[in-house]
Each structure stands twice: as C-alpha cells, then as structure tokens.
Amino acid sequence: MVQVERSADCGNSPKNQFAEELIVALLSGDVSTIESAGALDICSGQMTGEPPTNIQIEHVVTHGKVGAVSGTVTLSDGLSAGFCFVLEFATAKADRLSKVIRYSL
C-alpha cells in the first residue's frame, strides 16, 4: 500500500484538493479515481511502472484554469525522485482536466 503525506496547501481550496487527489491517484495507479474524474484519456500515458511506496506532496497551487503539484516519490527499492505536474483544467471550476504535463528528476 502507498503511504501518502499530503501538503498543507489544500485546506479550504476544492481546486487544490482535486489536483492533489488526481496526482496521488496518477502516481499510485488508482485508475478508478482517475476515471471517475473523467481524466483517464488524458492521464493514461502518465501512469508508468510500479506504484511507489511513498508519495510526499510538497505543494499544490491552482489559479484559474491552471495548477501545479510537486513532491517526491519513493520506490520499493528505496530510490526517491522529485516530480512536478502542471495541470490545465477544462474550466475555471477545475472539475475536469484538458492537459497534464509531468516533470521529474
């Protein structure tokens, strides 16, 4: 099971919460969450390899139709890597995605 350390950036922001949940689902291979968000077509190419053992979300930032989620993943062999996802939402309401760009070390 994947351990998740969430950011403190999501307190009163539904957009930030949506972005964080989506990236945790993406990194952990949770297809049902991605599918229920209507993002399977957009995210399926981003899901690769075995799920990490730990996901640490450092920051979640959203504004208008864009957002970013950054953090670190740790794999079962102990290796860690940083990541940043830039999200483009289909609407300013941020209930659907139109684009995901992944950056990693």
PDB file of N, CA and C in Angstrom:
ATOM      1  N   MET A   1       0.827  -1.180   0.000  1.00  0.00           N
ATOM      2  CA  MET A   1       0.000   0.000   0.000  1.00  0.00           C
ATOM      3  C   MET A   1       0.877   1.251   0.000  1.00  0.00           C
ATOM      4  N   VAL A   2       0.412   2.267  -0.671  1.00  0.00           N
ATOM      5  CA  VAL A   2       1.160   3.510  -0.807  1.00  0.00           C
ATOM      6  C   VAL A   2       0.876   4.415   0.385  1.00  0.00           C
ATOM      7  N   GLN A   3       1.935   4.897   1.030  1.00  0.00           N
ATOM      8  CA  GLN A   3       1.788   5.899   2.086  1.00  0.00           C
ATOM      9  C   GLN A   3       1.794   7.267   1.427  1.00  0.00           C
ATOM     10  N   VAL A   4       0.869   8.130   1.843  1.00  0.00           N
ATOM     11  CA  VAL A   4       0.773   9.460   1.245  1.00  0.00           C
ATOM     12  C   VAL A   4       0.899  10.516   2.332  1.00  0.00           C
ATOM     13  N   GLU A   5       1.838  11.428   2.133  1.00  0.00           N
ATOM     14  CA  GLU A   5       1.986  12.589   3.002  1.00  0.00           C
ATOM     15  C   GLU A   5       1.464  13.789   2.214  1.00  0.00           C
ATOM     16  N   ARG A   6       0.347  14.323   2.634  1.00  0.00           N
ATOM     17  CA  ARG A   6      -0.318  15.397   1.885  1.00  0.00           C
ATOM     18  C   ARG A   6       0.242  16.763   2.254  1.00  0.00           C
ATOM     19  N   SER A   7       0.051  17.700   1.347  1.00  0.00           N
ATOM     20  CA  SER A   7       0.516  19.068   1.580  1.00  0.00           C
ATOM     21  C   SER A   7      -0.440  19.799   2.507  1.00  0.00           C
ATOM     22  N   ALA A   8      -0.001  20.935   2.991  1.00  0.00           N
ATOM     23  CA  ALA A   8      -0.854  21.794   3.816  1.00  0.00           C
ATOM     24  C   ALA A   8      -1.565  22.828   2.955  1.00  0.00           C
ATOM     25  N   ASP A   9      -1.407  22.734   1.626  1.00  0.00           N
ATOM     26  CA  ASP A   9      -1.928  23.748   0.717  1.00  0.00           C
ATOM     27  C   ASP A   9      -3.392  23.565   0.340  1.00  0.00           C
ATOM     28  N   CYS A  10      -4.039  22.524   0.810  1.00  0.00           N
ATOM     29  CA  CYS A  10      -5.379  22.201   0.323  1.00  0.00           C
ATOM     30  C   CYS A  10      -6.510  22.580   1.265  1.00  0.00           C
ATOM     31  N   GLY A  11      -6.204  23.162   2.395  1.00  0.00           N
ATOM     32  CA  GLY A  11      -7.178  23.492   3.422  1.00  0.00           C
ATOM     33  C   GLY A  11      -8.568  23.857   2.968  1.00  0.00           C
ATOM     34  N   ASN A  12      -8.758  25.028   2.408  1.00  0.00           N
ATOM     35  CA  ASN A  12     -10.088  25.483   2.016  1.00  0.00           C
ATOM     36  C   ASN A  12     -10.237  25.601   0.510  1.00  0.00           C
ATOM     37  N   SER A  13      -9.412  24.912  -0.245  1.00  0.00           N
ATOM     38  CA  SER A  13      -9.446  25.050  -1.691  1.00  0.00           C
ATOM     39  C   SER A  13      -9.874  23.749  -2.370  1.00  0.00           C
ATOM     40  N   PRO A  14     -11.106  23.689  -2.850  1.00  0.00           N
ATOM     41  CA  PRO A  14     -11.546  22.488  -3.576  1.00  0.00           C
ATOM     42  C   PRO A  14     -10.703  22.213  -4.821  1.00  0.00           C
ATOM     43  N   LYS A  15     -10.226  23.258  -5.490  1.00  0.00           N
ATOM     44  CA  LYS A  15      -9.364  23.068  -6.667  1.00  0.00           C
ATOM     45  C   LYS A  15      -8.066  22.384  -6.272  1.00  0.00           C
ATOM     46  N   ASN A  16      -7.455  22.853  -5.183  1.00  0.00           N
ATOM     47  CA  ASN A  16      -6.214  22.233  -4.721  1.00  0.00           C
ATOM     48  C   ASN A  16      -6.454  20.787  -4.311  1.00  0.00           C
ATOM     49  N   GLN A  17      -7.545  20.524  -3.617  1.00  0.00           N
ATOM     50  CA  GLN A  17      -7.870  19.159  -3.200  1.00  0.00           C
ATOM     51  C   GLN A  17      -8.052  18.247  -4.411  1.00  0.00           C
ATOM     52  N   PHE A  18      -8.768  18.728  -5.429  1.00  0.00           N
ATOM     53  CA  PHE A  18      -8.982  17.952  -6.647  1.00  0.00           C
ATOM     54  C   PHE A  18      -7.641  17.647  -7.315  1.00  0.00           C
ATOM     55  N   ALA A  19      -6.784  18.649  -7.443  1.00  0.00           N
ATOM     56  CA  ALA A  19      -5.479  18.467  -8.080  1.00  0.00           C
ATOM     57  C   ALA A  19      -4.631  17.458  -7.308  1.00  0.00           C
ATOM     58  N   GLU A  20      -4.604  17.587  -5.989  1.00  0.00           N
ATOM     59  CA  GLU A  20      -3.810  16.665  -5.168  1.00  0.00           C
ATOM     60  C   GLU A  20      -4.334  15.239  -5.282  1.00  0.00           C
ATOM     61  N   GLU A  21      -5.635  15.055  -5.167  1.00  0.00           N
ATOM     62  CA  GLU A  21      -6.225  13.716  -5.276  1.00  0.00           C
ATOM     63  C   GLU A  21      -5.905  13.075  -6.622  1.00  0.00           C
ATOM     64  N   LEU A  22      -6.002  13.861  -7.678  1.00  0.00           N
ATOM     65  CA  LEU A  22      -5.745  13.351  -9.017  1.00  0.00           C
ATOM     66  C   LEU A  22      -4.298  12.910  -9.181  1.00  0.00           C
ATOM     67  N   ILE A  23      -3.352  13.691  -8.676  1.00  0.00           N
ATOM     68  CA  ILE A  23      -1.941  13.333  -8.806  1.00  0.00           C
ATOM     69  C   ILE A  23      -1.592  12.138  -7.933  1.00  0.00           C
ATOM     70  N   VAL A  24      -2.146  12.045  -6.734  1.00  0.00           N
ATOM     71  CA  VAL A  24      -1.926  10.860  -5.892  1.00  0.00           C
ATOM     72  C   VAL A  24      -2.465   9.627  -6.616  1.00  0.00           C
ATOM     73  N   ALA A  25      -3.639   9.731  -7.209  1.00  0.00           N
ATOM     74  CA  ALA A  25      -4.216   8.607  -7.954  1.00  0.00           C
ATOM     75  C   ALA A  25      -3.339   8.242  -9.145  1.00  0.00           C
ATOM     76  N   LEU A  26      -2.848   9.234  -9.838  1.00  0.00           N
ATOM     77  CA  LEU A  26      -1.998   9.016 -11.000  1.00  0.00           C
ATOM     78  C   LEU A  26      -0.704   8.301 -10.615  1.00  0.00           C
ATOM     79  N   LEU A  27      -0.055   8.779  -9.570  1.00  0.00           N
ATOM     80  CA  LEU A  27       1.212   8.186  -9.136  1.00  0.00           C
ATOM     81  C   LEU A  27       1.033   6.790  -8.542  1.00  0.00           C
ATOM     82  N   SER A  28      -0.100   6.540  -7.895  1.00  0.00           N
ATOM     83  CA  SER A  28      -0.313   5.242  -7.258  1.00  0.00           C
ATOM     84  C   SER A  28      -1.024   4.244  -8.175  1.00  0.00           C
ATOM     85  N   GLY A  29      -1.388   4.676  -9.385  1.00  0.00           N
ATOM     86  CA  GLY A  29      -2.040   3.764 -10.329  1.00  0.00           C
ATOM     87  C   GLY A  29      -3.500   3.512 -10.032  1.00  0.00           C
ATOM     88  N   ASP A  30      -4.161   4.428  -9.347  1.00  0.00           N
ATOM     89  CA  ASP A  30      -5.572   4.301  -8.987  1.00  0.00           C
ATOM     90  C   ASP A  30      -6.452   4.705 -10.170  1.00  0.00           C
ATOM     91  N   VAL A  31      -6.666   3.765 -11.079  1.00  0.00           N
ATOM     92  CA  VAL A  31      -7.399   4.029 -12.314  1.00  0.00           C
ATOM     93  C   VAL A  31      -8.837   4.446 -12.046  1.00  0.00           C
ATOM     94  N   SER A  32      -9.483   3.866 -11.034  1.00  0.00           N
ATOM     95  CA  SER A  32     -10.892   4.194 -10.778  1.00  0.00           C
ATOM     96  C   SER A  32     -11.076   5.662 -10.383  1.00  0.00           C
ATOM     97  N   THR A  33     -10.161   6.217  -9.593  1.00  0.00           N
ATOM     98  CA  THR A  33     -10.253   7.636  -9.222  1.00  0.00           C
ATOM     99  C   THR A  33     -10.028   8.523 -10.438  1.00  0.00           C
ATOM    100  N   ILE A  34      -9.056   8.172 -11.256  1.00  0.00           N
ATOM    101  CA  ILE A  34      -8.771   8.950 -12.460  1.00  0.00           C
ATOM    102  C   ILE A  34      -9.960   8.885 -13.420  1.00  0.00           C
ATOM    103  N   GLU A  35     -10.518   7.696 -13.552  1.00  0.00           N
ATOM    104  CA  GLU A  35     -11.671   7.515 -14.439  1.00  0.00           C
ATOM    105  C   GLU A  35     -12.888   8.284 -13.934  1.00  0.00           C
ATOM    106  N   SER A  36     -13.126   8.271 -12.623  1.00  0.00           N
ATOM    107  CA  SER A  36     -14.285   8.985 -12.072  1.00  0.00           C
ATOM    108  C   SER A  36     -14.142  10.495 -12.213  1.00  0.00           C
ATOM    109  N   ALA A  37     -12.896  10.984 -12.336  1.00  0.00           N
ATOM    110  CA  ALA A  37     -12.662  12.412 -12.562  1.00  0.00           C
ATOM    111  C   ALA A  37     -12.749  12.757 -14.049  1.00  0.00           C
ATOM    112  N   GLY A  38     -13.014  11.746 -14.885  1.00  0.00           N
ATOM    113  CA  GLY A  38     -13.112  11.974 -16.319  1.00  0.00           C
ATOM    114  C   GLY A  38     -11.780  12.275 -16.961  1.00  0.00           C
ATOM    115  N   ALA A  39     -10.687  11.803 -16.365  1.00  0.00           N
ATOM    116  CA  ALA A  39      -9.352  12.162 -16.836  1.00  0.00           C
ATOM    117  C   ALA A  39      -8.549  10.971 -17.347  1.00  0.00           C
ATOM    118  N   LEU A  40      -9.175   9.815 -17.531  1.00  0.00           N
ATOM    119  CA  LEU A  40      -8.422   8.618 -17.917  1.00  0.00           C
ATOM    120  C   LEU A  40      -7.731   8.796 -19.265  1.00  0.00           C
ATOM    121  N   ASP A  41      -8.407   9.366 -20.250  1.00  0.00           N
ATOM    122  CA  ASP A  41      -7.800   9.568 -21.565  1.00  0.00           C
ATOM    123  C   ASP A  41      -6.584  10.473 -21.489  1.00  0.00           C
ATOM    124  N   ILE A  42      -6.645  11.490 -20.645  1.00  0.00           N
ATOM    125  CA  ILE A  42      -5.564  12.464 -20.533  1.00  0.00           C
ATOM    126  C   ILE A  42      -4.405  11.905 -19.711  1.00  0.00           C
ATOM    127  N   CYS A  43      -4.710  11.143 -18.668  1.00  0.00           N
ATOM    128  CA  CYS A  43      -3.686  10.698 -17.715  1.00  0.00           C
ATOM    129  C   CYS A  43      -3.076   9.341 -18.028  1.00  0.00           C
ATOM    130  N   SER A  44      -3.705   8.525 -18.861  1.00  0.00           N
ATOM    131  CA  SER A  44      -3.248   7.148 -19.032  1.00  0.00           C
ATOM    132  C   SER A  44      -1.792   7.056 -19.475  1.00  0.00           C
ATOM    133  N   GLY A  45      -1.320   7.978 -20.283  1.00  0.00           N
ATOM    134  CA  GLY A  45       0.077   7.970 -20.712  1.00  0.00           C
ATOM    135  C   GLY A  45       1.054   8.352 -19.616  1.00  0.00           C
ATOM    136  N   GLN A  46       0.556   8.933 -18.535  1.00  0.00           N
ATOM    137  CA  GLN A  46       1.407   9.368 -17.428  1.00  0.00           C
ATOM    138  C   GLN A  46       1.653   8.241 -16.419  1.00  0.00           C
ATOM    139  N   MET A  47       0.849   7.181 -16.460  1.00  0.00           N
ATOM    140  CA  MET A  47       0.941   6.106 -15.482  1.00  0.00           C
ATOM    141  C   MET A  47       1.933   5.064 -15.994  1.00  0.00           C
ATOM    142  N   THR A  48       3.090   4.984 -15.353  1.00  0.00           N
ATOM    143  CA  THR A  48       4.123   4.050 -15.782  1.00  0.00           C
ATOM    144  C   THR A  48       4.755   3.361 -14.591  1.00  0.00           C
ATOM    145  N   GLY A  49       5.208   2.126 -14.803  1.00  0.00           N
ATOM    146  CA  GLY A  49       5.959   1.408 -13.784  1.00  0.00           C
ATOM    147  C   GLY A  49       5.144   1.008 -12.572  1.00  0.00           C
ATOM    148  N   GLU A  50       5.851   0.470 -11.583  1.00  0.00           N
ATOM    149  CA  GLU A  50       5.196   0.034 -10.356  1.00  0.00           C
ATOM    150  C   GLU A  50       4.873   1.237  -9.472  1.00  0.00           C
ATOM    151  N   PRO A  51       3.803   1.124  -8.689  1.00  0.00           N
ATOM    152  CA  PRO A  51       3.448   2.236  -7.799  1.00  0.00           C
ATOM    153  C   PRO A  51       4.532   2.458  -6.745  1.00  0.00           C
ATOM    154  N   PRO A  52       4.729   3.703  -6.331  1.00  0.00           N
ATOM    155  CA  PRO A  52       5.719   3.974  -5.291  1.00  0.00           C
ATOM    156  C   PRO A  52       5.230   3.483  -3.930  1.00  0.00           C
ATOM    157  N   THR A  53       6.154   3.392  -2.972  1.00  0.00           N
ATOM    158  CA  THR A  53       5.766   3.026  -1.613  1.00  0.00           C
ATOM    159  C   THR A  53       5.375   4.255  -0.804  1.00  0.00           C
ATOM    160  N   ASN A  54       5.896   5.430  -1.210  1.00  0.00           N
ATOM    161  CA  ASN A  54       5.601   6.661  -0.501  1.00  0.00           C
ATOM    162  C   ASN A  54       5.460   7.809  -1.491  1.00  0.00           C
ATOM    163  N   ILE A  55       4.450   8.636  -1.274  1.00  0.00           N
ATOM    164  CA  ILE A  55       4.252   9.860  -2.056  1.00  0.00           C
ATOM    165  C   ILE A  55       4.192  11.013  -1.067  1.00  0.00           C
ATOM    166  N   GLN A  56       5.076  11.979  -1.245  1.00  0.00           N
ATOM    167  CA  GLN A  56       5.053  13.167  -0.403  1.00  0.00           C
ATOM    168  C   GLN A  56       4.707  14.361  -1.285  1.00  0.00           C
ATOM    169  N   ILE A  57       3.557  14.948  -1.042  1.00  0.00           N
ATOM    170  CA  ILE A  57       3.128  16.132  -1.782  1.00  0.00           C
ATOM    171  C   ILE A  57       3.652  17.345  -1.031  1.00  0.00           C
ATOM    172  N   GLU A  58       4.479  18.139  -1.674  1.00  0.00           N
ATOM    173  CA  GLU A  58       5.048  19.325  -1.036  1.00  0.00           C
ATOM    174  C   GLU A  58       4.175  20.555  -1.246  1.00  0.00           C
ATOM    175  N   HIS A  59       3.786  20.797  -2.505  1.00  0.00           N
ATOM    176  CA  HIS A  59       2.990  21.984  -2.802  1.00  0.00           C
ATOM    177  C   HIS A  59       1.911  21.689  -3.829  1.00  0.00           C
ATOM    178  N   VAL A  60       0.780  22.341  -3.640  1.00  0.00           N
ATOM    179  CA  VAL A  60      -0.313  22.324  -4.607  1.00  0.00           C
ATOM    180  C   VAL A  60      -0.723  23.781  -4.802  1.00  0.00           C
ATOM    181  N   VAL A  61      -0.703  24.213  -6.057  1.00  0.00           N
ATOM    182  CA  VAL A  61      -1.050  25.595  -6.371  1.00  0.00           C
ATOM    183  C   VAL A  61      -2.009  25.572  -7.548  1.00  0.00           C
ATOM    184  N   THR A  62      -3.131  26.280  -7.427  1.00  0.00           N
ATOM    185  CA  THR A  62      -4.054  26.415  -8.550  1.00  0.00           C
ATOM    186  C   THR A  62      -4.473  27.872  -8.665  1.00  0.00           C
ATOM    187  N   HIS A  63      -4.743  28.271  -9.895  1.00  0.00           N
ATOM    188  CA  HIS A  63      -5.249  29.616 -10.142  1.00  0.00           C
ATOM    189  C   HIS A  63      -5.946  29.599 -11.496  1.00  0.00           C
ATOM    190  N   GLY A  64      -7.219  29.936 -11.500  1.00  0.00           N
ATOM    191  CA  GLY A  64      -7.962  29.924 -12.754  1.00  0.00           C
ATOM    192  C   GLY A  64      -8.000  28.533 -13.355  1.00  0.00           C
ATOM    193  N   LYS A  65      -7.517  28.413 -14.588  1.00  0.00           N
ATOM    194  CA  LYS A  65      -7.571  27.148 -15.306  1.00  0.00           C
ATOM    195  C   LYS A  65      -6.263  26.367 -15.278  1.00  0.00           C
ATOM    196  N   VAL A  66      -5.330  26.743 -14.394  1.00  0.00           N
ATOM    197  CA  VAL A  66      -4.062  26.020 -14.322  1.00  0.00           C
ATOM    198  C   VAL A  66      -3.730  25.655 -12.877  1.00  0.00           C
ATOM    199  N   GLY A  67      -2.858  24.659 -12.731  1.00  0.00           N
ATOM    200  CA  GLY A  67      -2.417  24.261 -11.403  1.00  0.00           C
ATOM    201  C   GLY A  67      -1.116  23.486 -11.490  1.00  0.00           C
ATOM    202  N   ALA A  68      -0.486  23.286 -10.350  1.00  0.00           N
ATOM    203  CA  ALA A  68       0.747  22.507 -10.279  1.00  0.00           C
ATOM    204  C   ALA A  68       0.790  21.751  -8.960  1.00  0.00           C
ATOM    205  N   VAL A  69       1.326  20.549  -9.015  1.00  0.00           N
ATOM    206  CA  VAL A  69       1.501  19.714  -7.827  1.00  0.00           C
ATOM    207  C   VAL A  69       2.936  19.206  -7.857  1.00  0.00           C
ATOM    208  N   SER A  70       3.681  19.430  -6.767  1.00  0.00           N
ATOM    209  CA  SER A  70       5.073  18.971  -6.713  1.00  0.00           C
ATOM    210  C   SER A  70       5.300  18.132  -5.474  1.00  0.00           C
ATOM    211  N   GLY A  71       6.336  17.314  -5.539  1.00  0.00           N
ATOM    212  CA  GLY A  71       6.652  16.470  -4.395  1.00  0.00           C
ATOM    213  C   GLY A  71       7.727  15.455  -4.717  1.00  0.00           C
ATOM    214  N   THR A  72       7.743  14.375  -3.927  1.00  0.00           N
ATOM    215  CA  THR A  72       8.741  13.323  -4.050  1.00  0.00           C
ATOM    216  C   THR A  72       8.060  11.966  -3.967  1.00  0.00           C
ATOM    217  N   VAL A  73       8.524  11.033  -4.786  1.00  0.00           N
ATOM    218  CA  VAL A  73       8.062   9.648  -4.681  1.00  0.00           C
ATOM    219  C   VAL A  73       9.238   8.776  -4.275  1.00  0.00           C
ATOM    220  N   THR A  74       8.948   7.754  -3.483  1.00  0.00           N
ATOM    221  CA  THR A  74       9.958   6.777  -3.085  1.00  0.00           C
ATOM    222  C   THR A  74       9.494   5.413  -3.564  1.00  0.00           C
ATOM    223  N   LEU A  75      10.382   4.700  -4.251  1.00  0.00           N
ATOM    224  CA  LEU A  75      10.062   3.375  -4.789  1.00  0.00           C
ATOM    225  C   LEU A  75      10.427   2.288  -3.796  1.00  0.00           C
ATOM    226  N   SER A  76       9.998   1.061  -4.074  1.00  0.00           N
ATOM    227  CA  SER A  76      10.227  -0.051  -3.155  1.00  0.00           C
ATOM    228  C   SER A  76      11.711  -0.343  -2.943  1.00  0.00           C
ATOM    229  N   ASP A  77      12.556   0.023  -3.912  1.00  0.00           N
ATOM    230  CA  ASP A  77      13.993  -0.202  -3.748  1.00  0.00           C
ATOM    231  C   ASP A  77      14.689   0.921  -2.975  1.00  0.00           C
ATOM    232  N   GLY A  78      13.903   1.906  -2.492  1.00  0.00           N
ATOM    233  CA  GLY A  78      14.444   2.991  -1.691  1.00  0.00           C
ATOM    234  C   GLY A  78      14.841   4.236  -2.472  1.00  0.00           C
ATOM    235  N   LEU A  79      14.843   4.150  -3.779  1.00  0.00           N
ATOM    236  CA  LEU A  79      15.190   5.323  -4.591  1.00  0.00           C
ATOM    237  C   LEU A  79      14.071   6.354  -4.541  1.00  0.00           C
ATOM    238  N   SER A  80      14.457   7.630  -4.479  1.00  0.00           N
ATOM    239  CA  SER A  80      13.487   8.724  -4.451  1.00  0.00           C
ATOM    240  C   SER A  80      13.710   9.618  -5.661  1.00  0.00           C
ATOM    241  N   ALA A  81      12.620  10.233  -6.116  1.00  0.00           N
ATOM    242  CA  ALA A  81      12.712  11.168  -7.233  1.00  0.00           C
ATOM    243  C   ALA A  81      11.693  12.280  -7.029  1.00  0.00           C
ATOM    244  N   GLY A  82      12.079  13.481  -7.419  1.00  0.00           N
ATOM    245  CA  GLY A  82      11.164  14.609  -7.356  1.00  0.00           C
ATOM    246  C   GLY A  82      10.270  14.627  -8.585  1.00  0.00           C
ATOM    247  N   PHE A  83       9.129  15.288  -8.471  1.00  0.00           N
ATOM    248  CA  PHE A  83       8.210  15.415  -9.589  1.00  0.00           C
ATOM    249  C   PHE A  83       7.484  16.746  -9.515  1.00  0.00           C
ATOM    250  N   CYS A  84       6.967  17.150 -10.630  1.00  0.00           N
ATOM    251  CA  CYS A  84       6.064  18.292 -10.708  1.00  0.00           C
ATOM    252  C   CYS A  84       5.099  18.032 -11.858  1.00  0.00           C
ATOM    253  N   PHE A  85       3.825  18.137 -11.584  1.00  0.00           N
ATOM    254  CA  PHE A  85       2.801  18.026 -12.615  1.00  0.00           C
ATOM    255  C   PHE A  85       2.194  19.400 -12.822  1.00  0.00           C
ATOM    256  N   VAL A  86       2.086  19.800 -14.068  1.00  0.00           N
ATOM    257  CA  VAL A  86       1.387  21.027 -14.410  1.00  0.00           C
ATOM    258  C   VAL A  86       0.070  20.602 -15.038  1.00  0.00           C
ATOM    259  N   LEU A  87      -1.019  21.115 -14.478  1.00  0.00           N
ATOM    260  CA  LEU A  87      -2.363  20.730 -14.913  1.00  0.00           C
ATOM    261  C   LEU A  87      -3.040  21.889 -15.617  1.00  0.00           C
ATOM    262  N   GLU A  88      -3.729  21.579 -16.689  1.00  0.00           N
ATOM    263  CA  GLU A  88      -4.568  22.569 -17.339  1.00  0.00           C
ATOM    264  C   GLU A  88      -6.004  22.056 -17.236  1.00  0.00           C
ATOM    265  N   PHE A  89      -6.845  22.829 -16.578  1.00  0.00           N
ATOM    266  CA  PHE A  89      -8.236  22.431 -16.385  1.00  0.00           C
ATOM    267  C   PHE A  89      -9.072  22.854 -17.582  1.00  0.00           C
ATOM    268  N   ALA A  90     -10.121  22.099 -17.863  1.00  0.00           N
ATOM    269  CA  ALA A  90     -11.018  22.413 -18.981  1.00  0.00           C
ATOM    270  C   ALA A  90     -11.845  23.660 -18.678  1.00  0.00           C
ATOM    271  N   THR A  91     -12.090  23.907 -17.400  1.00  0.00           N
ATOM    272  CA  THR A  91     -12.872  25.077 -16.981  1.00  0.00           C
ATOM    273  C   THR A  91     -12.227  25.697 -15.755  1.00  0.00           C
ATOM    274  N   ALA A  92     -12.577  26.929 -15.447  1.00  0.00           N
ATOM    275  CA  ALA A  92     -12.060  27.580 -14.242  1.00  0.00           C
ATOM    276  C   ALA A  92     -12.588  26.911 -12.976  1.00  0.00           C
ATOM    277  N   LYS A  93     -13.691  26.197 -13.079  1.00  0.00           N
ATOM    278  CA  LYS A  93     -14.259  25.452 -11.948  1.00  0.00           C
ATOM    279  C   LYS A  93     -13.340  24.291 -11.536  1.00  0.00           C
ATOM    280  N   ALA A  94     -12.467  23.871 -12.453  1.00  0.00           N
ATOM    281  CA  ALA A  94     -11.458  22.828 -12.201  1.00  0.00           C
ATOM    282  C   ALA A  94     -12.051  21.491 -11.821  1.00  0.00           C
ATOM    283  N   ASP A  95     -13.091  21.078 -12.512  1.00  0.00           N
ATOM    284  CA  ASP A  95     -13.669  19.767 -12.245  1.00  0.00           C
ATOM    285  C   ASP A  95     -13.313  18.751 -13.327  1.00  0.00           C
ATOM    286  N   ARG A  96     -12.617  19.198 -14.381  1.00  0.00           N
ATOM    287  CA  ARG A  96     -12.154  18.321 -15.459  1.00  0.00           C
ATOM    288  C   ARG A  96     -10.798  18.819 -15.955  1.00  0.00           C
ATOM    289  N   LEU A  97      -9.994  17.892 -16.430  1.00  0.00           N
ATOM    290  CA  LEU A  97      -8.684  18.251 -16.968  1.00  0.00           C
ATOM    291  C   LEU A  97      -8.720  18.297 -18.486  1.00  0.00           C
ATOM    292  N   SER A  98      -7.872  19.154 -19.060  1.00  0.00           N
ATOM    293  CA  SER A  98      -7.699  19.126 -20.505  1.00  0.00           C
ATOM    294  C   SER A  98      -6.263  18.755 -20.879  1.00  0.00           C
ATOM    295  N   LYS A  99      -5.322  18.886 -19.921  1.00  0.00           N
ATOM    296  CA  LYS A  99      -3.927  18.587 -20.224  1.00  0.00           C
ATOM    297  C   LYS A  99      -3.149  18.343 -18.934  1.00  0.00           C
ATOM    298  N   VAL A 100      -2.196  17.402 -19.003  1.00  0.00           N
ATOM    299  CA  VAL A 100      -1.294  17.124 -17.874  1.00  0.00           C
ATOM    300  C   VAL A 100       0.125  17.041 -18.434  1.00  0.00           C
ATOM    301  N   ILE A 101       1.041  17.779 -17.830  1.00  0.00           N
ATOM    302  CA  ILE A 101       2.452  17.711 -18.195  1.00  0.00           C
ATOM    303  C   ILE A 101       3.218  17.269 -16.956  1.00  0.00           C
ATOM    304  N   ARG A 102       4.056  16.250 -17.110  1.00  0.00           N
ATOM    305  CA  ARG A 102       4.813  15.713 -15.974  1.00  0.00           C
ATOM    306  C   ARG A 102       6.284  16.030 -16.137  1.00  0.00           C
ATOM    307  N   TYR A 103       6.865  16.561 -15.072  1.00  0.00           N
ATOM    308  CA  TYR A 103       8.296  16.804 -14.998  1.00  0.00           C
ATOM    309  C   TYR A 103       8.846  15.978 -13.845  1.00  0.00           C
ATOM    310  N   SER A 104       9.963  15.307 -14.043  1.00  0.00           N
ATOM    311  CA  SER A 104      10.548  14.518 -12.951  1.00  0.00           C
ATOM    312  C   SER A 104      12.065  14.523 -13.059  1.00  0.00           C
ATOM    313  N   LEU A 105      12.702  14.212 -11.939  1.00  0.00           N
ATOM    314  CA  LEU A 105      14.177  14.145 -11.914  1.00  0.00           C
ATOM    315  C   LEU A 105      14.631  12.783 -12.347  1.00  0.00           C
TER     316      LEU A 105
END
